[in-house]
Amino acid sequence: MTKKDRRKETPLKMKPEVYILCGNVGTGKTTYRNELIETLSPNKYVIINNDNILLSFNGIYPINYREFHANLLKAMRELLYKEWSYEANRCYICNEKPPFLIIDNMNHYSSLREELIKKIRALCNDSVKITIVNFGKGDEISLKRRIEDSRDLSEERWVEVFNKVQKEWQEPNEKEGYDFIINMKNKMKKK
């Protein structure tokens, strides 16, 4: 019996919790993530941040996300295996509470969220609690907030990214396979 086979037969003693934050730029995802981390402390957590993944590809946000989809999933899958899965398995062996996983990114395509959830469930043999935190497609206030807080992209580029995501935004739906949803649309206002 291989190590992989043993893992399939042994359910996790405690269900890991996963939070997938989705919404346009400036809608409050990272602010919420930081507040969530404060409430989770001193528990362990792993953060996968879409900004870091996107910026690692040629240092720019791609404008055609559909073509970029496969590369993004591949990068996220590698992070899931390398960072979160490793820590979750270590906690399982030590009989500790598994780390929370927080995925802080736009996740604006339903198909991307669904694929991500399938990968996470497969990693955990379906013994996982997945919560979507939906910030929605954004508005003028969220765009202004992103531009004011930005140090990495020009205002023109942020407007382009914002408009693209707003145009292609797909609301979370039950077919994606999450367990819970928290709707935060219009709840994160300008500081």
Protein backbone atom coordinates (compact mmCIF):
# COMPACT_ATOMS: atom_id res chain seq x y z
CA MET A 1 0.00 0.00 0.00
CA THR A 2 1.41 3.37 -1.01
CA LYS A 3 1.45 6.51 1.12
CA LYS A 4 -1.20 8.03 -1.15
CA ASP A 5 -3.47 4.96 -0.68
CA ARG A 6 -3.13 5.19 3.12
CA ARG A 7 -4.11 8.84 3.06
CA LYS A 8 -7.24 8.01 1.05
CA GLU A 9 -8.28 5.43 3.64
CA THR A 10 -7.61 7.64 6.67
CA PRO A 11 -10.02 10.55 7.04
CA LEU A 12 -8.71 13.66 8.73
CA LYS A 13 -9.49 13.67 12.46
CA MET A 14 -10.54 17.32 12.34
CA LYS A 15 -11.95 19.04 9.28
CA PRO A 16 -9.74 21.81 7.91
CA GLU A 17 -11.57 25.05 7.19
CA VAL A 18 -11.11 26.90 3.91
CA TYR A 19 -12.16 30.46 3.15
CA ILE A 20 -12.27 31.48 -0.51
CA LEU A 21 -12.59 35.25 -0.82
CA CYS A 22 -13.98 36.50 -4.11
CA GLY A 23 -14.69 39.97 -5.40
CA ASN A 24 -13.34 42.73 -7.60
CA VAL A 25 -10.31 44.86 -6.72
CA GLY A 26 -10.82 47.21 -3.78
CA THR A 27 -13.94 45.46 -2.44
CA GLY A 28 -12.35 44.63 0.94
CA LYS A 29 -11.07 41.06 0.53
CA THR A 30 -7.63 41.67 2.02
CA THR A 31 -9.03 43.85 4.82
CA TYR A 32 -11.46 41.04 5.68
CA ARG A 33 -8.62 38.49 5.44
CA ASN A 34 -6.58 40.45 7.96
CA GLU A 35 -9.56 40.68 10.34
CA LEU A 36 -10.18 36.96 9.90
CA ILE A 37 -6.55 36.20 10.76
CA GLU A 38 -6.92 38.21 13.98
CA THR A 39 -9.95 36.13 14.98
CA LEU A 40 -8.17 32.86 14.10
CA SER A 41 -5.03 33.62 16.11
CA PRO A 42 -3.28 31.73 17.59
CA ASN A 43 -4.49 29.04 15.16
CA LYS A 44 -2.34 28.16 12.17
CA TYR A 45 -3.32 29.42 8.74
CA VAL A 46 -1.97 29.41 5.21
CA ILE A 47 -2.73 32.24 2.80
CA ILE A 48 -2.73 31.90 -0.96
CA ASN A 49 -2.92 35.39 -2.41
CA ASN A 50 -3.89 35.76 -6.05
CA ASP A 51 -2.02 39.08 -6.36
CA ASN A 52 1.29 37.34 -5.72
CA ILE A 53 0.50 34.62 -8.26
CA LEU A 54 -0.67 37.06 -10.92
CA LEU A 55 2.22 39.44 -10.48
CA SER A 56 4.69 36.56 -10.68
CA PHE A 57 3.66 36.01 -14.30
CA ASN A 58 5.67 38.64 -16.18
CA GLY A 59 5.10 41.10 -13.34
CA ILE A 60 1.73 42.31 -14.68
CA TYR A 61 -1.95 41.54 -14.32
CA PRO A 62 -3.11 39.74 -17.46
CA ILE A 63 -6.16 41.26 -19.07
CA ASN A 64 -7.37 38.05 -20.76
CA TYR A 65 -8.13 35.93 -17.70
CA ARG A 66 -9.76 33.09 -19.63
CA GLU A 67 -6.45 32.25 -21.35
CA PHE A 68 -4.66 32.76 -18.06
CA HIS A 69 -7.03 30.37 -16.24
CA ALA A 70 -4.93 27.21 -16.74
CA ASN A 71 -1.71 28.82 -15.50
CA LEU A 72 -3.47 30.28 -12.49
CA LEU A 73 -4.98 26.93 -11.51
CA LYS A 74 -1.60 25.25 -11.90
CA ALA A 75 0.10 27.82 -9.67
CA MET A 76 -2.63 27.56 -7.04
CA ARG A 77 -2.53 23.76 -7.12
CA GLU A 78 1.23 23.84 -6.51
CA LEU A 79 0.76 26.18 -3.55
CA LEU A 80 -2.03 23.97 -2.17
CA TYR A 81 0.23 20.91 -2.29
CA LYS A 82 3.44 22.59 -1.15
CA GLU A 83 2.17 24.81 1.63
CA TRP A 84 -1.26 23.89 2.93
CA SER A 85 -1.34 20.13 2.31
CA TYR A 86 2.08 19.70 3.92
CA GLU A 87 1.03 21.60 7.05
CA ALA A 88 -2.35 19.80 7.20
CA ASN A 89 -0.63 16.40 7.04
CA ARG A 90 1.87 17.41 9.72
CA CYS A 91 -1.01 18.48 11.98
CA TYR A 92 -2.82 15.20 11.30
CA ILE A 93 0.23 13.17 12.35
CA CYS A 94 0.66 15.30 15.50
CA ASN A 95 -3.09 15.20 16.25
CA GLU A 96 -3.30 19.00 16.04
CA LYS A 97 -6.02 21.18 14.58
CA PRO A 98 -5.30 21.56 10.85
CA PRO A 99 -4.45 25.01 9.52
CA PHE A 100 -7.06 27.29 8.07
CA LEU A 101 -6.62 27.99 4.37
CA ILE A 102 -7.48 31.48 3.14
CA ILE A 103 -7.51 32.08 -0.61
CA ASP A 104 -7.52 35.84 -1.10
CA ASN A 105 -8.13 36.66 -4.75
CA MET A 106 -10.68 37.83 -7.27
CA ASN A 107 -11.99 34.34 -8.14
CA HIS A 108 -14.46 36.02 -10.46
CA TYR A 109 -15.19 33.00 -12.67
CA SER A 110 -17.53 30.34 -11.37
CA SER A 111 -15.53 27.68 -13.24
CA LEU A 112 -12.31 28.74 -11.46
CA ARG A 113 -13.97 28.53 -8.03
CA GLU A 114 -15.54 25.17 -8.87
CA GLU A 115 -12.22 23.71 -10.06
CA LEU A 116 -10.42 25.07 -7.00
CA ILE A 117 -13.02 23.56 -4.66
CA LYS A 118 -12.70 20.17 -6.39
CA LYS A 119 -8.91 20.25 -5.93
CA ILE A 120 -9.24 21.16 -2.25
CA ARG A 121 -11.84 18.44 -1.63
CA ALA A 122 -9.62 15.87 -3.37
CA LEU A 123 -6.66 16.88 -1.20
CA CYS A 124 -8.77 16.38 1.93
CA ASN A 125 -10.68 13.29 0.83
CA ASP A 126 -13.77 15.51 0.99
CA SER A 127 -13.26 16.03 4.74
CA VAL A 128 -13.19 19.83 4.63
CA LYS A 129 -15.45 22.82 5.34
CA ILE A 130 -15.37 25.37 2.50
CA THR A 131 -16.81 28.87 2.89
CA ILE A 132 -17.09 31.38 0.06
CA VAL A 133 -16.90 35.01 1.16
CA ASN A 134 -18.48 37.02 -1.66
CA PHE A 135 -17.59 40.71 -2.02
CA GLY A 136 -19.26 41.07 -5.42
CA LYS A 137 -18.26 42.85 -8.59
CA GLY A 138 -17.51 46.18 -6.94
CA ASP A 139 -18.50 49.78 -7.56
CA GLU A 140 -16.91 53.20 -8.01
CA ILE A 141 -16.01 53.35 -4.30
CA SER A 142 -14.09 50.08 -4.45
CA LEU A 143 -12.23 51.18 -7.60
CA LYS A 144 -11.29 54.49 -5.97
CA ARG A 145 -10.12 52.66 -2.85
CA ARG A 146 -7.91 50.33 -4.91
CA ILE A 147 -6.36 53.20 -6.87
CA GLU A 148 -5.65 55.21 -3.67
CA ASP A 149 -4.04 52.21 -1.94
CA SER A 150 -2.06 51.09 -4.99
CA ARG A 151 1.68 51.17 -5.25
CA ASP A 152 2.14 48.63 -7.99
CA LEU A 153 -0.06 49.62 -10.96
CA SER A 154 -1.08 52.84 -12.65
CA GLU A 155 -4.60 54.22 -12.29
CA GLU A 156 -5.25 53.42 -15.96
CA ARG A 157 -4.27 49.78 -15.46
CA TRP A 158 -6.42 49.41 -12.32
CA VAL A 159 -9.43 50.85 -14.20
CA GLU A 160 -8.80 48.34 -17.00
CA VAL A 161 -8.58 45.38 -14.56
CA PHE A 162 -11.61 46.57 -12.58
CA ASN A 163 -13.79 47.00 -15.70
CA LYS A 164 -12.75 43.60 -17.06
CA VAL A 165 -13.60 41.81 -13.81
CA GLN A 166 -16.86 43.73 -13.43
CA LYS A 167 -17.91 42.80 -16.97
CA GLU A 168 -17.05 39.12 -16.52
CA TRP A 169 -18.14 38.74 -12.87
CA GLN A 170 -20.06 35.55 -12.08
CA GLU A 171 -21.90 35.33 -8.77
CA PRO A 172 -21.12 32.27 -6.65
CA ASN A 173 -23.68 29.49 -7.05
CA GLU A 174 -24.37 26.22 -5.25
CA LYS A 175 -23.09 24.10 -8.16
CA GLU A 176 -19.54 25.19 -7.28
CA GLY A 177 -19.54 22.81 -4.31
CA TYR A 178 -18.95 25.11 -1.31
CA ASP A 179 -20.55 24.41 2.07
CA PHE A 180 -21.32 27.96 3.19
CA ILE A 181 -21.47 31.45 1.73
CA ILE A 182 -21.03 34.81 3.45
CA ASN A 183 -22.23 37.79 1.41
CA MET A 184 -20.13 40.87 2.13
CA LYS A 185 -21.25 42.91 -0.89
CA ASN A 186 -21.41 46.61 -0.02
CA LYS A 187 -20.39 45.95 3.60
CA MET A 188 -16.75 47.07 3.27
CA LYS A 189 -16.84 50.84 2.83
CA LYS A 190 -14.06 53.34 2.32
CA LYS A 191 -11.85 53.85 5.37
